[in-house]
Amino acid sequence: MELDLPTFKLKQRKSRANSEPVLSSILRYEKYRRLTLNLIPSENVLSQDVLRALSSEMAGRYAGRPEPYGGSSMFHEIWEECESLACQTFHSRAASASPISGHIAAMMVLDSVAKKGEKILALSSEDGGYKGYTTGYIPDLFGLDFLRLPLRKDGSFRIDLDEAISIARREKPSVVVLGATVFLFPHPVRELAEEVHKSGGCLVYDGSHVLGLIAGGEFQDPLSEGADVLLGSTHKTFFGPQGGIILSNDVELMKVLEQRFLYRFMDNFHLNRVAALCVALKEVKLHGRKYAHAVVRNSRKLGKNLGELGHPVAAKEHGITESHQVLLNFGHGRGEEVRNRLEACGIIVDSRVRLGTNEVSRRGMKERDMEKIASLIDDSLSNRRPPSKIRKDSFSLMTRHKKVCFTLR
């Protein structure tokens, strides 16, 4: 369907910025995204302090370990504080803030724990797993054979533990990767870690989607449950800058990761991003538990309301969700249509129709607001009202929640 989106006009100011087409487009984009209701589970809104760090002088500088550049001593203080805060937050002995994305973090870890010709056991993208761990992507780069981690057949999006243990026992993969893009419930870390460790393998937990919930003690604690490595991106439920992080209690493994990092994966890890991550970790230290609790509570409420309105909420018989996500399971072929219909109404989702409450929770929305959001989605998908009228209500809701919460000030 063709999108009927609003055109935002900006007030003219006597500044060079408004005479520059690119800068003017950036301002229009920012205004549009501030007013639209964002339910994409892989995004979040940043505080002014994090944005200030991203736009700092560090954005054009270099540093390293060992340090080849002068002028970097003050950055090293920030870098060390960032990784120390990460260890405190995720209960690990070592941390690396070097990877510039969760994908790069995954590549760094797999390169260090598996050899060419060995096997990787992970969820397939058809089952809600991350496509990067499947055939044709990261495993092919490192010569690994991909094995499919099985899901239960009950629609719960939970791993079939008995079958997974059977596969691990038979195939003896070098690495088992837990984590998913459709991540509704915790994974059986302890049981699979015990099995994979028997054959000398490694269990990696990709917490990209749920990192903020882990930090807030609201999902599960993978490292204490037996995972060898926790990795992830830092901009989904964790409200930091776009980037990656790696954590482990295996200090020697982390040394290997750092030694293999330079020139193999990157030569510049973006100093401003590390500084922004440090600020976000401070915010999480102060507010992580309260934020994570609000996210999960809002997700359950949103899913419950949508189910009661007759929409195809996945895992409805299994508790709907214990994370930031609610999945509307329209099946193959309708996702893009639903995404476009909702955006015309001022509501942004992805084409899988995963609904995430991470950003709206950071804007201070509560369970009563989830009832309103469910109603807006229902109006849109049932064609009960014209998109322009739904969009007006969506913008009104966002206008009442302009403030970014859970910050340092």
Protein backbone atom coordinates (compact mmCIF):
# COMPACT_ATOMS: atom_id res chain seq x y z
CA MET A 1 0.00 0.00 0.00
CA GLU A 2 1.13 3.57 -0.63
CA LEU A 3 2.16 5.43 2.49
CA ASP A 4 0.24 8.60 3.33
CA LEU A 5 2.81 10.31 5.53
CA PRO A 6 2.70 13.86 6.87
CA THR A 7 4.98 16.57 5.53
CA PHE A 8 6.70 18.48 8.30
CA LYS A 9 7.56 22.11 7.73
CA LEU A 10 10.33 23.72 9.72
CA LYS A 11 10.42 27.30 10.89
CA GLN A 12 12.88 29.32 8.86
CA ARG A 13 15.80 30.64 10.84
CA LYS A 14 18.64 32.89 9.87
CA SER A 15 21.19 30.13 9.99
CA ARG A 16 23.29 28.32 7.51
CA ALA A 17 21.75 24.99 8.62
CA ASN A 18 18.41 25.82 7.04
CA SER A 19 20.06 26.72 3.78
CA GLU A 20 21.69 23.29 3.56
CA PRO A 21 19.37 20.62 2.07
CA VAL A 22 20.99 17.71 3.93
CA LEU A 23 20.81 19.40 7.33
CA SER A 24 17.24 20.44 6.65
CA SER A 25 16.37 16.83 5.84
CA ILE A 26 17.99 15.69 9.08
CA LEU A 27 15.86 18.12 11.07
CA ARG A 28 12.69 16.96 9.33
CA TYR A 29 13.62 13.32 10.02
CA GLU A 30 14.22 14.05 13.69
CA LYS A 31 10.89 15.83 14.03
CA TYR A 32 9.06 12.96 12.31
CA ARG A 33 10.65 10.31 14.53
CA ARG A 34 9.99 12.31 17.70
CA LEU A 35 6.27 12.41 16.89
CA THR A 36 5.75 8.86 15.61
CA LEU A 37 5.07 6.00 18.00
CA ASN A 38 8.10 3.73 17.69
CA LEU A 39 7.53 0.05 18.52
CA ILE A 40 10.57 -1.35 16.71
CA PRO A 41 12.20 -3.71 19.25
CA SER A 42 15.72 -3.15 17.92
CA GLU A 43 15.73 0.61 18.51
CA ASN A 44 15.71 2.98 21.46
CA VAL A 45 15.90 6.68 22.20
CA LEU A 46 19.11 8.23 23.55
CA SER A 47 19.47 10.73 26.35
CA GLN A 48 20.96 14.15 25.73
CA ASP A 49 24.08 13.13 27.67
CA VAL A 50 24.67 10.11 25.42
CA LEU A 51 24.07 12.23 22.31
CA ARG A 52 26.53 14.82 23.65
CA ALA A 53 29.19 12.14 23.97
CA LEU A 54 28.52 10.94 20.41
CA SER A 55 28.98 14.45 19.03
CA SER A 56 32.14 15.12 21.03
CA GLU A 57 35.66 15.82 19.80
CA MET A 58 36.37 12.10 20.16
CA ALA A 59 34.34 11.41 17.01
CA GLY A 60 37.41 12.13 14.87
CA ARG A 61 40.16 10.61 17.04
CA TYR A 62 42.08 7.35 17.34
CA ALA A 63 43.34 5.27 20.26
CA GLY A 64 44.47 1.71 20.87
CA ARG A 65 46.05 -0.91 23.11
CA PRO A 66 49.03 -0.68 23.26
CA GLU A 67 48.68 3.03 22.55
CA PRO A 68 50.41 4.27 19.37
CA TYR A 69 48.90 7.76 19.49
CA GLY A 70 49.65 10.79 21.62
CA GLY A 71 46.85 12.80 23.18
CA SER A 72 44.89 9.73 24.27
CA SER A 73 45.49 9.43 28.02
CA MET A 74 42.20 11.08 29.01
CA PHE A 75 40.26 8.79 26.67
CA HIS A 76 41.89 5.75 28.29
CA GLU A 77 40.36 6.82 31.61
CA ILE A 78 36.91 6.81 29.96
CA TRP A 79 37.60 3.50 28.20
CA GLU A 80 38.66 1.79 31.43
CA GLU A 81 35.68 3.20 33.32
CA CYS A 82 33.34 2.00 30.58
CA GLU A 83 34.56 -1.59 30.71
CA SER A 84 34.66 -1.57 34.51
CA LEU A 85 31.03 -0.42 34.62
CA ALA A 86 30.12 -3.12 32.09
CA CYS A 87 31.66 -5.79 34.32
CA GLN A 88 29.69 -4.50 37.32
CA THR A 89 26.46 -4.33 35.35
CA PHE A 90 26.65 -7.80 33.81
CA HIS A 91 28.49 -9.61 36.64
CA SER A 92 31.53 -10.48 34.54
CA ARG A 93 35.27 -10.51 35.16
CA ALA A 94 36.18 -8.99 31.79
CA ALA A 95 34.57 -6.80 29.15
CA SER A 96 35.40 -5.43 25.72
CA ALA A 97 33.74 -2.30 24.40
CA SER A 98 35.74 -2.52 21.16
CA PRO A 99 33.23 -4.01 18.67
CA ILE A 100 31.33 -1.39 16.71
CA SER A 101 28.26 -3.62 16.39
CA GLY A 102 26.72 -6.77 17.83
CA HIS A 103 27.44 -8.50 14.52
CA ILE A 104 31.15 -7.65 14.76
CA ALA A 105 31.11 -8.86 18.38
CA ALA A 106 29.71 -12.20 17.19
CA MET A 107 32.39 -12.48 14.50
CA MET A 108 35.15 -11.75 17.00
CA VAL A 109 33.89 -14.42 19.40
CA LEU A 110 33.30 -17.15 16.80
CA ASP A 111 36.72 -16.47 15.27
CA SER A 112 38.28 -17.12 18.69
CA VAL A 113 36.29 -20.16 19.91
CA ALA A 114 35.78 -22.25 16.74
CA LYS A 115 38.04 -23.58 13.98
CA LYS A 116 37.39 -24.22 10.30
CA GLY A 117 35.39 -27.42 9.76
CA GLU A 118 33.81 -27.37 13.22
CA LYS A 119 30.09 -27.01 13.95
CA ILE A 120 27.88 -24.20 15.24
CA LEU A 121 24.44 -24.91 16.72
CA ALA A 122 22.05 -21.94 16.64
CA LEU A 123 18.45 -21.01 15.88
CA SER A 124 17.50 -20.62 12.22
CA SER A 125 16.05 -17.36 10.99
CA GLU A 126 12.80 -19.20 10.19
CA ASP A 127 12.52 -20.01 13.90
CA GLY A 128 13.20 -16.43 15.00
CA GLY A 129 16.98 -16.72 15.15
CA TYR A 130 19.53 -14.21 13.85
CA LYS A 131 20.28 -14.85 10.18
CA GLY A 132 23.94 -13.96 10.70
CA TYR A 133 24.56 -17.28 12.50
CA THR A 134 23.15 -19.38 9.65
CA THR A 135 24.48 -20.84 6.41
CA GLY A 136 25.61 -18.20 3.96
CA TYR A 137 26.69 -15.69 6.58
CA ILE A 138 29.17 -15.71 9.50
CA PRO A 139 29.61 -19.54 9.58
CA ASP A 140 30.62 -19.50 5.91
CA LEU A 141 33.24 -16.80 6.54
CA PHE A 142 34.95 -19.02 9.12
CA GLY A 143 34.28 -22.39 7.47
CA LEU A 144 31.82 -23.58 10.13
CA ASP A 145 28.97 -26.02 9.58
CA PHE A 146 25.60 -24.69 10.73
CA LEU A 147 23.26 -26.94 12.72
CA ARG A 148 19.68 -25.95 13.45
CA LEU A 149 18.72 -25.53 17.11
CA PRO A 150 15.17 -26.91 17.45
CA LEU A 151 12.12 -25.07 18.78
CA ARG A 152 9.15 -26.64 20.47
CA LYS A 153 6.24 -27.22 18.13
CA ASP A 154 3.72 -25.57 20.47
CA GLY A 155 4.08 -22.00 19.17
CA SER A 156 5.85 -20.80 22.30
CA PHE A 157 9.12 -19.84 20.57
CA ARG A 158 10.94 -21.78 23.30
CA ILE A 159 13.84 -24.11 22.57
CA ASP A 160 13.07 -27.84 22.55
CA LEU A 161 15.56 -28.70 25.29
CA ASP A 162 15.46 -32.50 25.00
CA GLU A 163 16.00 -32.42 21.25
CA ALA A 164 18.69 -29.73 21.55
CA ILE A 165 20.64 -31.81 24.09
CA SER A 166 20.30 -34.84 21.82
CA ILE A 167 21.75 -32.90 18.86
CA ALA A 168 24.58 -31.45 20.97
CA ARG A 169 25.43 -34.91 22.33
CA ARG A 170 25.45 -36.45 18.86
CA GLU A 171 27.09 -33.67 16.83
CA LYS A 172 29.41 -32.18 19.49
CA PRO A 173 29.37 -28.61 18.14
CA SER A 174 32.29 -26.37 19.05
CA VAL A 175 29.89 -23.57 19.83
CA VAL A 176 26.22 -23.28 20.75
CA VAL A 177 24.74 -19.82 20.27
CA LEU A 178 21.64 -18.86 22.26
CA GLY A 179 19.69 -15.69 21.58
CA ALA A 180 17.19 -14.67 18.92
CA THR A 181 15.57 -11.84 17.02
CA VAL A 182 12.14 -13.09 18.12
CA PHE A 183 13.05 -13.31 21.81
CA LEU A 184 9.96 -13.76 23.97
CA PHE A 185 11.23 -16.05 26.76
CA PRO A 186 14.56 -16.91 28.43
CA HIS A 187 16.64 -19.73 27.00
CA PRO A 188 17.81 -22.90 28.84
CA VAL A 189 21.37 -21.70 29.38
CA ARG A 190 22.35 -23.92 32.31
CA GLU A 191 21.21 -27.21 30.77
CA LEU A 192 22.78 -26.58 27.34
CA ALA A 193 26.00 -25.21 28.84
CA GLU A 194 26.44 -28.40 30.88
CA GLU A 195 26.02 -30.53 27.77
CA VAL A 196 28.25 -28.55 25.41
CA HIS A 197 31.00 -28.29 28.03
CA LYS A 198 31.21 -32.10 28.23
CA SER A 199 32.73 -32.17 24.74
CA GLY A 200 34.87 -29.07 25.26
CA GLY A 201 32.54 -26.71 23.43
CA CYS A 202 31.60 -23.12 24.19
CA LEU A 203 28.20 -21.62 24.91
CA VAL A 204 27.73 -18.09 23.59
CA TYR A 205 24.70 -16.03 24.57
CA ASP A 206 23.77 -13.30 22.11
CA GLY A 207 21.83 -10.89 24.28
CA SER A 208 21.49 -8.17 21.64
CA HIS A 209 17.75 -7.80 22.09
CA VAL A 210 17.55 -8.35 25.84
CA LEU A 211 20.79 -6.76 27.08
CA GLY A 212 18.94 -3.98 28.92
CA LEU A 213 16.63 -6.52 30.57
CA ILE A 214 19.63 -8.60 31.67
CA ALA A 215 21.28 -5.46 33.06
CA GLY A 216 18.09 -4.69 34.98
CA GLY A 217 17.80 -8.22 36.42
CA GLU A 218 14.48 -8.79 34.66
CA PHE A 219 15.20 -11.60 32.18
CA GLN A 220 18.03 -14.01 33.01
CA ASP A 221 21.70 -13.80 33.99
CA PRO A 222 23.49 -15.82 31.28
CA LEU A 223 27.03 -15.74 32.71
CA SER A 224 25.95 -16.95 36.14
CA GLU A 225 23.88 -19.68 34.47
CA GLY A 226 26.87 -21.10 32.63
CA ALA A 227 27.38 -19.13 29.41
CA ASP A 228 31.04 -18.70 28.49
CA VAL A 229 30.43 -15.43 26.65
CA LEU A 230 27.70 -12.80 26.69
CA LEU A 231 27.71 -10.49 23.68
CA GLY A 232 25.29 -8.10 22.10
CA SER A 233 24.44 -4.78 20.58
CA THR A 234 24.03 -1.81 22.87
CA HIS A 235 21.06 0.05 21.42
CA LYS A 236 17.92 -2.09 21.82
CA THR A 237 16.61 -2.71 25.32
CA PHE A 238 19.99 -1.37 26.43
CA PHE A 239 19.59 2.36 25.72
CA GLY A 240 23.12 3.17 24.59
CA PRO A 241 24.65 4.17 21.25
CA GLN A 242 24.67 1.79 18.31
CA GLY A 243 27.56 -0.59 18.90
CA GLY A 244 28.58 -3.89 20.46
CA ILE A 245 29.99 -5.37 23.64
CA ILE A 246 31.53 -8.67 24.76
CA LEU A 247 31.59 -9.95 28.36
CA SER A 248 32.98 -13.09 29.95
CA ASN A 249 34.34 -14.57 33.17
CA ASP A 250 37.06 -16.26 31.10
CA VAL A 251 39.80 -13.64 31.29
CA GLU A 252 42.18 -15.61 29.06
CA LEU A 253 39.57 -15.88 26.31
CA MET A 254 39.01 -12.13 26.48
CA LYS A 255 42.76 -11.58 26.08
CA VAL A 256 42.70 -13.72 22.94
CA LEU A 257 39.76 -11.70 21.61
CA GLU A 258 41.62 -8.43 22.14
CA GLN A 259 44.81 -9.79 20.54
CA ARG A 260 42.92 -10.89 17.43
CA PHE A 261 40.88 -7.68 17.18
CA LEU A 262 43.21 -5.13 15.58
CA TYR A 263 43.34 -5.23 11.75
CA ARG A 264 41.43 -8.52 11.66
CA PHE A 265 38.04 -6.92 12.32
CA MET A 266 38.65 -3.18 12.76
CA ASP A 267 41.37 -0.63 13.20
CA ASN A 268 39.17 2.13 14.65
CA PHE A 269 36.50 1.37 17.21
CA HIS A 270 35.00 4.91 17.36
CA LEU A 271 36.06 6.60 20.58
CA ASN A 272 32.92 8.72 20.80
CA ARG A 273 30.82 5.54 20.84
CA VAL A 274 32.80 4.14 23.80
CA ALA A 275 32.33 7.43 25.67
CA ALA A 276 28.59 7.37 24.92
CA LEU A 277 28.38 3.75 26.08
CA CYS A 278 30.07 4.76 29.33
CA VAL A 279 27.38 7.41 29.90
CA ALA A 280 24.62 4.89 29.12
CA LEU A 281 26.11 2.40 31.59
CA LYS A 282 25.95 5.07 34.28
CA GLU A 283 22.28 5.61 33.43
CA VAL A 284 21.62 1.87 33.62
CA LYS A 285 23.44 1.65 36.94
CA LEU A 286 21.04 4.25 38.35
CA HIS A 287 17.79 3.20 36.69
CA GLY A 288 18.28 -0.20 35.03
CA ARG A 289 16.04 -2.23 37.34
CA LYS A 290 13.14 0.20 37.27
CA TYR A 291 13.38 0.58 33.48
CA ALA A 292 13.59 -3.15 32.75
CA HIS A 293 10.63 -3.84 35.04
CA ALA A 294 8.57 -1.20 33.21
CA VAL A 295 9.46 -2.66 29.81
CA VAL A 296 8.36 -6.20 30.66
CA ARG A 297 5.21 -5.01 32.41
CA ASN A 298 4.27 -2.87 29.41
CA SER A 299 4.92 -5.71 26.95
CA ARG A 300 2.64 -8.08 28.81
CA LYS A 301 -0.09 -5.46 28.99
CA LEU A 302 0.20 -4.59 25.29
CA GLY A 303 0.11 -8.26 24.29
CA LYS A 304 -2.84 -8.98 26.55
CA ASN A 305 -4.86 -6.07 25.16
CA LEU A 306 -4.10 -6.96 21.55
CA GLY A 307 -5.08 -10.58 22.17
CA GLU A 308 -8.36 -9.52 23.72
CA LEU A 309 -9.03 -7.38 20.64
CA GLY A 310 -8.67 -10.47 18.46
CA HIS A 311 -5.23 -9.98 16.96
CA PRO A 312 -2.87 -12.94 16.33
CA VAL A 313 -0.61 -12.58 19.37
CA ALA A 314 2.04 -15.32 19.34
CA ALA A 315 2.51 -17.57 22.39
CA LYS A 316 -0.80 -16.37 23.87
CA GLU A 317 -1.30 -19.72 25.59
CA HIS A 318 2.22 -19.59 27.04
CA GLY A 319 2.19 -16.18 28.73
CA ILE A 320 2.73 -14.02 25.60
CA THR A 321 6.15 -12.66 26.61
CA GLU A 322 8.72 -12.20 29.35
CA SER A 323 10.73 -9.66 27.35
CA HIS A 324 10.27 -6.37 25.52
CA GLN A 325 8.66 -8.05 22.52
CA VAL A 326 5.15 -8.96 21.48
CA LEU A 327 4.87 -10.83 18.18
CA LEU A 328 1.83 -10.45 15.96
CA ASN A 329 1.96 -13.64 13.93
CA PHE A 330 0.33 -12.77 10.60
CA GLY A 331 2.27 -15.47 8.77
CA HIS A 332 4.28 -15.03 5.58
CA GLY A 333 3.35 -12.31 3.14
CA ARG A 334 1.40 -9.79 5.27
CA GLY A 335 4.15 -8.24 7.36
CA GLU A 336 5.10 -5.48 4.95
CA GLU A 337 1.46 -4.56 4.38
CA VAL A 338 0.84 -4.33 8.14
CA ARG A 339 4.02 -2.30 8.65
CA ASN A 340 3.00 0.22 5.98
CA ARG A 341 -0.58 0.46 7.22
CA LEU A 342 0.60 1.19 10.76
CA GLU A 343 3.16 3.78 9.67
CA ALA A 344 0.44 5.64 7.77
CA CYS A 345 -1.25 5.86 11.18
CA GLY A 346 1.85 7.19 12.94
CA ILE A 347 2.98 3.84 14.38
CA ILE A 348 6.33 2.33 13.38
CA VAL A 349 6.98 -1.43 13.44
CA ASP A 350 9.12 -3.85 11.41
CA SER A 351 7.93 -6.20 8.69
CA ARG A 352 7.99 -9.18 11.06
CA VAL A 353 5.49 -7.22 13.18
CA ARG A 354 7.48 -7.57 16.38
CA LEU A 355 6.24 -4.89 18.75
CA GLY A 356 8.82 -3.61 21.23
CA THR A 357 8.01 -1.52 24.30
CA ASN A 358 11.62 -0.51 25.01
CA GLU A 359 11.44 2.99 23.53
CA VAL A 360 7.95 3.92 24.69
CA SER A 361 8.89 2.76 28.19
CA ARG A 362 11.88 5.06 28.14
CA ARG A 363 9.56 7.88 27.26
CA GLY A 364 7.70 7.22 30.49
CA MET A 365 4.69 5.35 29.13
CA LYS A 366 2.89 3.01 31.49
CA GLU A 367 0.33 0.21 31.29
CA ARG A 368 -2.59 2.59 30.73
CA ASP A 369 -0.73 3.90 27.66
CA MET A 370 -0.39 0.34 26.36
CA GLU A 371 -4.19 0.11 26.34
CA LYS A 372 -4.25 3.24 24.16
CA ILE A 373 -1.56 1.88 21.83
CA ALA A 374 -3.43 -1.42 21.44
CA SER A 375 -6.57 0.55 20.59
CA LEU A 376 -4.71 2.58 17.95
CA ILE A 377 -3.28 -0.58 16.39
CA ASP A 378 -6.73 -2.16 16.41
CA ASP A 379 -8.29 0.89 14.74
CA SER A 380 -5.61 0.76 12.03
CA LEU A 381 -5.72 -2.97 11.26
CA SER A 382 -9.52 -3.12 11.34
CA ASN A 383 -9.92 0.00 9.16
CA ARG A 384 -12.19 1.41 11.85
CA ARG A 385 -11.01 4.98 11.32
CA PRO A 386 -9.13 6.87 8.60
CA PRO A 387 -5.32 6.80 9.00
CA SER A 388 -5.21 10.60 9.35
CA LYS A 389 -7.41 10.50 12.45
CA ILE A 390 -5.46 7.61 14.02
CA ARG A 391 -2.22 9.42 13.24
CA LYS A 392 -3.47 12.52 15.01
CA ASP A 393 -4.12 10.48 18.18
CA SER A 394 -0.74 8.76 17.87
CA PHE A 395 1.05 12.11 17.56
CA SER A 396 -0.94 13.43 20.52
CA LEU A 397 0.20 10.48 22.65
CA MET A 398 3.83 11.12 21.71
CA THR A 399 3.48 14.85 22.40
CA ARG A 400 2.47 13.99 25.97
CA HIS A 401 5.63 11.87 26.33
CA LYS A 402 8.38 14.05 24.91
CA LYS A 403 10.71 13.60 27.87
CA VAL A 404 13.34 10.87 27.84
CA CYS A 405 13.30 9.20 31.25
CA PHE A 406 15.84 7.11 33.23
CA THR A 407 18.68 9.59 32.63
CA LEU A 408 21.42 11.16 34.76
CA ARG A 409 19.38 14.34 35.22
